[in-house]
């Protein structure tokens, strides 16, 4: 049995592997059981900021003499 591994066959197999990985990743990302994890991760950029209820309103100055 002689298998000819031409460049076209190797590229075709690479395309199939990448396509299967893409479909698998897409199914993983849009899985309903991952929603709570991603909801929490969505807020990570704001984790170091103080909570809105702890921020005091700035005091205003009167312009009257």
PDB file of N, CA and C in Angstrom:
ATOM      1  N   UNK A   1       0.850  -1.174   0.000  1.00  0.00           N
ATOM      2  CA  UNK A   1       0.000   0.000   0.000  1.00  0.00           C
ATOM      3  C   UNK A   1       0.899   1.241   0.000  1.00  0.00           C
ATOM      4  N   UNK A   2       0.786   2.019  -1.021  1.00  0.00           N
ATOM      5  CA  UNK A   2       1.624   3.205  -1.182  1.00  0.00           C
ATOM      6  C   UNK A   2       0.736   4.440  -1.053  1.00  0.00           C
ATOM      7  N   UNK A   3       1.020   5.274  -0.028  1.00  0.00           N
ATOM      8  CA  UNK A   3       0.249   6.499   0.189  1.00  0.00           C
ATOM      9  C   UNK A   3       1.070   7.667  -0.306  1.00  0.00           C
ATOM     10  N   UNK A   4       0.498   8.415  -1.222  1.00  0.00           N
ATOM     11  CA  UNK A   4       1.176   9.584  -1.772  1.00  0.00           C
ATOM     12  C   UNK A   4       0.751  10.808  -0.968  1.00  0.00           C
ATOM     13  N   UNK A   5       1.638  11.327  -0.133  1.00  0.00           N
ATOM     14  CA  UNK A   5       1.329  12.498   0.680  1.00  0.00           C
ATOM     15  C   UNK A   5       1.762  13.753  -0.061  1.00  0.00           C
ATOM     16  N   UNK A   6       0.947  14.171  -0.954  1.00  0.00           N
ATOM     17  CA  UNK A   6       1.263  15.376  -1.714  1.00  0.00           C
ATOM     18  C   UNK A   6       0.937  16.615  -0.868  1.00  0.00           C
ATOM     19  N   UNK A   7       1.398  17.737  -1.324  1.00  0.00           N
ATOM     20  CA  UNK A   7       1.150  18.985  -0.613  1.00  0.00           C
ATOM     21  C   UNK A   7      -0.344  19.282  -0.544  1.00  0.00           C
ATOM     22  N   UNK A   8      -1.074  18.965  -1.579  1.00  0.00           N
ATOM     23  CA  UNK A   8      -2.520  19.202  -1.585  1.00  0.00           C
ATOM     24  C   UNK A   8      -3.241  18.366  -0.549  1.00  0.00           C
ATOM     25  N   UNK A   9      -2.839  17.113  -0.372  1.00  0.00           N
ATOM     26  CA  UNK A   9      -3.460  16.242   0.619  1.00  0.00           C
ATOM     27  C   UNK A   9      -3.167  16.743   2.031  1.00  0.00           C
ATOM     28  N   UNK A  10      -1.932  17.151   2.260  1.00  0.00           N
ATOM     29  CA  UNK A  10      -1.553  17.661   3.584  1.00  0.00           C
ATOM     30  C   UNK A  10      -2.310  18.947   3.896  1.00  0.00           C
ATOM     31  N   UNK A  11      -2.439  19.825   2.936  1.00  0.00           N
ATOM     32  CA  UNK A  11      -3.202  21.061   3.138  1.00  0.00           C
ATOM     33  C   UNK A  11      -4.678  20.760   3.378  1.00  0.00           C
ATOM     34  N   UNK A  12      -5.210  19.797   2.658  1.00  0.00           N
ATOM     35  CA  UNK A  12      -6.609  19.409   2.845  1.00  0.00           C
ATOM     36  C   UNK A  12      -6.854  18.854   4.236  1.00  0.00           C
ATOM     37  N   UNK A  13      -5.941  17.986   4.699  1.00  0.00           N
ATOM     38  CA  UNK A  13      -6.073  17.448   6.050  1.00  0.00           C
ATOM     39  C   UNK A  13      -5.933  18.550   7.102  1.00  0.00           C
ATOM     40  N   UNK A  14      -5.039  19.481   6.872  1.00  0.00           N
ATOM     41  CA  UNK A  14      -4.897  20.616   7.794  1.00  0.00           C
ATOM     42  C   UNK A  14      -6.154  21.454   7.854  1.00  0.00           C
ATOM     43  N   UNK A  15      -6.788  21.649   6.696  1.00  0.00           N
ATOM     44  CA  UNK A  15      -8.040  22.408   6.654  1.00  0.00           C
ATOM     45  C   UNK A  15      -9.133  21.695   7.437  1.00  0.00           C
ATOM     46  N   UNK A  16      -9.209  20.389   7.287  1.00  0.00           N
ATOM     47  CA  UNK A  16     -10.219  19.616   8.018  1.00  0.00           C
ATOM     48  C   UNK A  16      -9.970  19.701   9.524  1.00  0.00           C
ATOM     49  N   UNK A  17      -8.729  19.601   9.958  1.00  0.00           N
ATOM     50  CA  UNK A  17      -8.402  19.683  11.383  1.00  0.00           C
ATOM     51  C   UNK A  17      -8.778  21.051  11.944  1.00  0.00           C
ATOM     52  N   UNK A  18      -8.443  22.113  11.233  1.00  0.00           N
ATOM     53  CA  UNK A  18      -8.766  23.462  11.696  1.00  0.00           C
ATOM     54  C   UNK A  18     -10.276  23.676  11.716  1.00  0.00           C
ATOM     55  N   UNK A  19     -10.994  23.147  10.734  1.00  0.00           N
ATOM     56  CA  UNK A  19     -12.446  23.287  10.694  1.00  0.00           C
ATOM     57  C   UNK A  19     -13.094  22.560  11.869  1.00  0.00           C
ATOM     58  N   UNK A  20     -12.629  21.356  12.168  1.00  0.00           N
ATOM     59  CA  UNK A  20     -13.177  20.601  13.306  1.00  0.00           C
ATOM     60  C   UNK A  20     -12.888  21.341  14.614  1.00  0.00           C
ATOM     61  N   UNK A  21     -11.702  21.908  14.748  1.00  0.00           N
ATOM     62  CA  UNK A  21     -11.371  22.684  15.945  1.00  0.00           C
ATOM     63  C   UNK A  21     -12.263  23.919  16.049  1.00  0.00           C
ATOM     64  N   UNK A  22     -12.526  24.576  14.937  1.00  0.00           N
ATOM     65  CA  UNK A  22     -13.389  25.757  14.935  1.00  0.00           C
ATOM     66  C   UNK A  22     -14.800  25.397  15.372  1.00  0.00           C
ATOM     67  N   UNK A  23     -15.343  24.315  14.828  1.00  0.00           N
ATOM     68  CA  UNK A  23     -16.702  23.891  15.195  1.00  0.00           C
ATOM     69  C   UNK A  23     -16.752  23.509  16.671  1.00  0.00           C
ATOM     70  N   UNK A  24     -15.745  22.790  17.155  1.00  0.00           N
ATOM     71  CA  UNK A  24     -15.710  22.408  18.565  1.00  0.00           C
ATOM     72  C   UNK A  24     -15.625  23.608  19.483  1.00  0.00           C
ATOM     73  N   UNK A  25     -14.793  24.564  19.150  1.00  0.00           N
ATOM     74  CA  UNK A  25     -14.669  25.777  19.961  1.00  0.00           C
ATOM     75  C   UNK A  25     -15.955  26.581  19.944  1.00  0.00           C
ATOM     76  N   UNK A  26     -16.597  26.667  18.791  1.00  0.00           N
ATOM     77  CA  UNK A  26     -17.860  27.393  18.688  1.00  0.00           C
ATOM     78  C   UNK A  26     -18.928  26.737  19.554  1.00  0.00           C
ATOM     79  N   UNK A  27     -19.023  25.424  19.521  1.00  0.00           N
ATOM     80  CA  UNK A  27     -20.011  24.725  20.352  1.00  0.00           C
ATOM     81  C   UNK A  27     -19.702  24.910  21.837  1.00  0.00           C
ATOM     82  N   UNK A  28     -18.426  24.922  22.201  1.00  0.00           N
ATOM     83  CA  UNK A  28     -18.049  25.120  23.599  1.00  0.00           C
ATOM     84  C   UNK A  28     -18.413  26.525  24.080  1.00  0.00           C
ATOM     85  N   UNK A  29     -18.140  27.527  23.243  1.00  0.00           N
ATOM     86  CA  UNK A  29     -18.398  28.911  23.636  1.00  0.00           C
ATOM     87  C   UNK A  29     -19.894  29.178  23.795  1.00  0.00           C
ATOM     88  N   UNK A  30     -20.698  28.637  22.901  1.00  0.00           N
ATOM     89  CA  UNK A  30     -22.126  28.918  22.940  1.00  0.00           C
ATOM     90  C   UNK A  30     -22.920  27.883  23.723  1.00  0.00           C
ATOM     91  N   UNK A  31     -22.254  27.048  24.494  1.00  0.00           N
ATOM     92  CA  UNK A  31     -22.930  26.066  25.332  1.00  0.00           C
ATOM     93  C   UNK A  31     -23.644  26.785  26.472  1.00  0.00           C
ATOM     94  N   UNK A  32     -24.866  26.378  26.765  1.00  0.00           N
ATOM     95  CA  UNK A  32     -25.648  27.041  27.823  1.00  0.00           C
ATOM     96  C   UNK A  32     -25.042  26.854  29.208  1.00  0.00           C
ATOM     97  N   UNK A  33     -24.371  25.741  29.451  1.00  0.00           N
ATOM     98  CA  UNK A  33     -23.816  25.539  30.789  1.00  0.00           C
ATOM     99  C   UNK A  33     -22.603  26.421  31.052  1.00  0.00           C
ATOM    100  N   UNK A  34     -22.063  27.074  30.042  1.00  0.00           N
ATOM    101  CA  UNK A  34     -20.932  27.993  30.202  1.00  0.00           C
ATOM    102  C   UNK A  34     -21.379  29.436  30.441  1.00  0.00           C
ATOM    103  N   UNK A  35     -22.661  29.719  30.321  1.00  0.00           N
ATOM    104  CA  UNK A  35     -23.158  31.090  30.437  1.00  0.00           C
ATOM    105  C   UNK A  35     -22.770  31.752  31.758  1.00  0.00           C
ATOM    106  N   UNK A  36     -22.947  31.096  32.928  1.00  0.00           N
ATOM    107  CA  UNK A  36     -22.550  31.770  34.178  1.00  0.00           C
ATOM    108  C   UNK A  36     -21.050  32.083  34.239  1.00  0.00           C
ATOM    109  N   UNK A  37     -20.216  31.181  33.732  1.00  0.00           N
ATOM    110  CA  UNK A  37     -18.769  31.427  33.720  1.00  0.00           C
ATOM    111  C   UNK A  37     -18.424  32.660  32.894  1.00  0.00           C
ATOM    112  N   UNK A  38     -19.016  32.743  31.701  1.00  0.00           N
ATOM    113  CA  UNK A  38     -18.716  33.864  30.821  1.00  0.00           C
ATOM    114  C   UNK A  38     -19.339  35.160  31.330  1.00  0.00           C
ATOM    115  N   UNK A  39     -20.466  35.078  32.033  1.00  0.00           N
ATOM    116  CA  UNK A  39     -21.064  36.280  32.615  1.00  0.00           C
ATOM    117  C   UNK A  39     -20.138  36.871  33.674  1.00  0.00           C
ATOM    118  N   UNK A  40     -19.521  36.010  34.460  1.00  0.00           N
ATOM    119  CA  UNK A  40     -18.564  36.476  35.467  1.00  0.00           C
ATOM    120  C   UNK A  40     -17.299  37.017  34.811  1.00  0.00           C
ATOM    121  N   UNK A  41     -16.815  36.343  33.792  1.00  0.00           N
ATOM    122  CA  UNK A  41     -15.591  36.765  33.108  1.00  0.00           C
ATOM    123  C   UNK A  41     -15.783  38.088  32.383  1.00  0.00           C
ATOM    124  N   UNK A  42     -17.009  38.354  31.956  1.00  0.00           N
ATOM    125  CA  UNK A  42     -17.296  39.604  31.256  1.00  0.00           C
ATOM    126  C   UNK A  42     -17.041  40.813  32.147  1.00  0.00           C
ATOM    127  N   UNK A  43     -17.178  40.648  33.466  1.00  0.00           N
ATOM    128  CA  UNK A  43     -17.012  41.764  34.396  1.00  0.00           C
ATOM    129  C   UNK A  43     -15.599  41.900  34.947  1.00  0.00           C
ATOM    130  N   UNK A  44     -14.689  41.007  34.574  1.00  0.00           N
ATOM    131  CA  UNK A  44     -13.325  41.057  35.100  1.00  0.00           C
ATOM    132  C   UNK A  44     -12.588  42.374  34.842  1.00  0.00           C
ATOM    133  N   UNK A  45     -12.762  43.044  33.708  1.00  0.00           N
ATOM    134  CA  UNK A  45     -12.043  44.309  33.528  1.00  0.00           C
ATOM    135  C   UNK A  45     -12.425  45.375  34.554  1.00  0.00           C
ATOM    136  N   UNK A  46     -13.580  45.224  35.177  1.00  0.00           N
ATOM    137  CA  UNK A  46     -14.049  46.216  36.144  1.00  0.00           C
ATOM    138  C   UNK A  46     -13.836  45.763  37.583  1.00  0.00           C
ATOM    139  N   UNK A  47     -13.146  44.667  37.803  1.00  0.00           N
ATOM    140  CA  UNK A  47     -12.990  44.093  39.138  1.00  0.00           C
ATOM    141  C   UNK A  47     -12.205  44.994  40.086  1.00  0.00           C
ATOM    142  N   UNK A  48     -11.274  45.785  39.589  1.00  0.00           N
ATOM    143  CA  UNK A  48     -10.471  46.623  40.475  1.00  0.00           C
ATOM    144  C   UNK A  48     -11.091  47.986  40.739  1.00  0.00           C
ATOM    145  N   UNK A  49     -12.206  48.282  40.115  1.00  0.00           N
ATOM    146  CA  UNK A  49     -12.876  49.562  40.344  1.00  0.00           C
ATOM    147  C   UNK A  49     -13.795  49.448  41.559  1.00  0.00           C
ATOM    148  N   UNK A  50     -13.965  50.535  42.305  1.00  0.00           N
ATOM    149  CA  UNK A  50     -14.858  50.480  43.465  1.00  0.00           C
ATOM    150  C   UNK A  50     -16.309  50.308  43.013  1.00  0.00           C
ATOM    151  N   UNK A  51     -17.082  49.711  43.865  1.00  0.00           N
ATOM    152  CA  UNK A  51     -18.503  49.501  43.572  1.00  0.00           C
ATOM    153  C   UNK A  51     -19.221  50.854  43.512  1.00  0.00           C
ATOM    154  N   UNK A  52     -20.244  51.004  42.673  1.00  0.00           N
ATOM    155  CA  UNK A  52     -20.946  52.290  42.550  1.00  0.00           C
ATOM    156  C   UNK A  52     -21.562  52.765  43.859  1.00  0.00           C
ATOM    157  N   UNK A  53     -22.039  51.845  44.736  1.00  0.00           N
ATOM    158  CA  UNK A  53     -22.663  52.284  45.988  1.00  0.00           C
ATOM    159  C   UNK A  53     -21.647  52.813  46.993  1.00  0.00           C
ATOM    160  N   UNK A  54     -20.360  52.555  46.799  1.00  0.00           N
ATOM    161  CA  UNK A  54     -19.350  53.053  47.732  1.00  0.00           C
ATOM    162  C   UNK A  54     -18.754  54.386  47.284  1.00  0.00           C
ATOM    163  N   UNK A  55     -19.072  54.816  46.101  1.00  0.00           N
ATOM    164  CA  UNK A  55     -18.555  56.092  45.604  1.00  0.00           C
ATOM    165  C   UNK A  55     -19.463  57.200  46.123  1.00  0.00           C
ATOM    166  N   UNK A  56     -18.866  58.162  46.819  1.00  0.00           N
ATOM    167  CA  UNK A  56     -19.667  59.270  47.329  1.00  0.00           C
ATOM    168  C   UNK A  56     -19.780  60.346  46.252  1.00  0.00           C
ATOM    169  N   UNK A  57     -20.884  61.041  46.302  1.00  0.00           N
ATOM    170  CA  UNK A  57     -21.108  62.107  45.331  1.00  0.00           C
ATOM    171  C   UNK A  57     -20.152  63.264  45.642  1.00  0.00           C
ATOM    172  N   UNK A  58     -19.579  63.855  44.632  1.00  0.00           N
ATOM    173  CA  UNK A  58     -18.667  64.981  44.899  1.00  0.00           C
ATOM    174  C   UNK A  58     -19.438  66.168  45.479  1.00  0.00           C
ATOM    175  N   UNK A  59     -18.791  66.824  46.412  1.00  0.00           N
ATOM    176  CA  UNK A  59     -19.436  67.987  47.023  1.00  0.00           C
ATOM    177  C   UNK A  59     -19.370  69.146  46.047  1.00  0.00           C
ATOM    178  N   UNK A  60     -20.475  69.870  45.961  1.00  0.00           N
ATOM    179  CA  UNK A  60     -20.517  71.026  45.067  1.00  0.00           C
ATOM    180  C   UNK A  60     -20.216  72.276  45.872  1.00  0.00           C
ATOM    181  N   UNK A  61     -19.574  73.201  45.236  1.00  0.00           N
ATOM    182  CA  UNK A  61     -19.247  74.471  45.898  1.00  0.00           C
ATOM    183  C   UNK A  61     -20.276  75.516  45.504  1.00  0.00           C
ATOM    184  N   UNK A  62     -20.539  76.339  46.418  1.00  0.00           N
ATOM    185  CA  UNK A  62     -21.466  77.436  46.159  1.00  0.00           C
ATOM    186  C   UNK A  62     -20.697  78.566  45.490  1.00  0.00           C
ATOM    187  N   UNK A  63     -21.319  79.215  44.559  1.00  0.00           N
ATOM    188  CA  UNK A  63     -20.687  80.353  43.899  1.00  0.00           C
ATOM    189  C   UNK A  63     -21.044  81.660  44.595  1.00  0.00           C
ATOM    190  N   UNK A  64     -21.789  81.570  45.658  1.00  0.00           N
ATOM    191  CA  UNK A  64     -22.171  82.780  46.395  1.00  0.00           C
ATOM    192  C   UNK A  64     -21.037  83.215  47.302  1.00  0.00           C
ATOM    193  N   UNK A  65     -20.857  84.519  47.454  1.00  0.00           N
ATOM    194  CA  UNK A  65     -19.784  85.010  48.341  1.00  0.00           C
ATOM    195  C   UNK A  65     -20.086  84.825  49.813  1.00  0.00           C
TER     196      UNK A  65
END
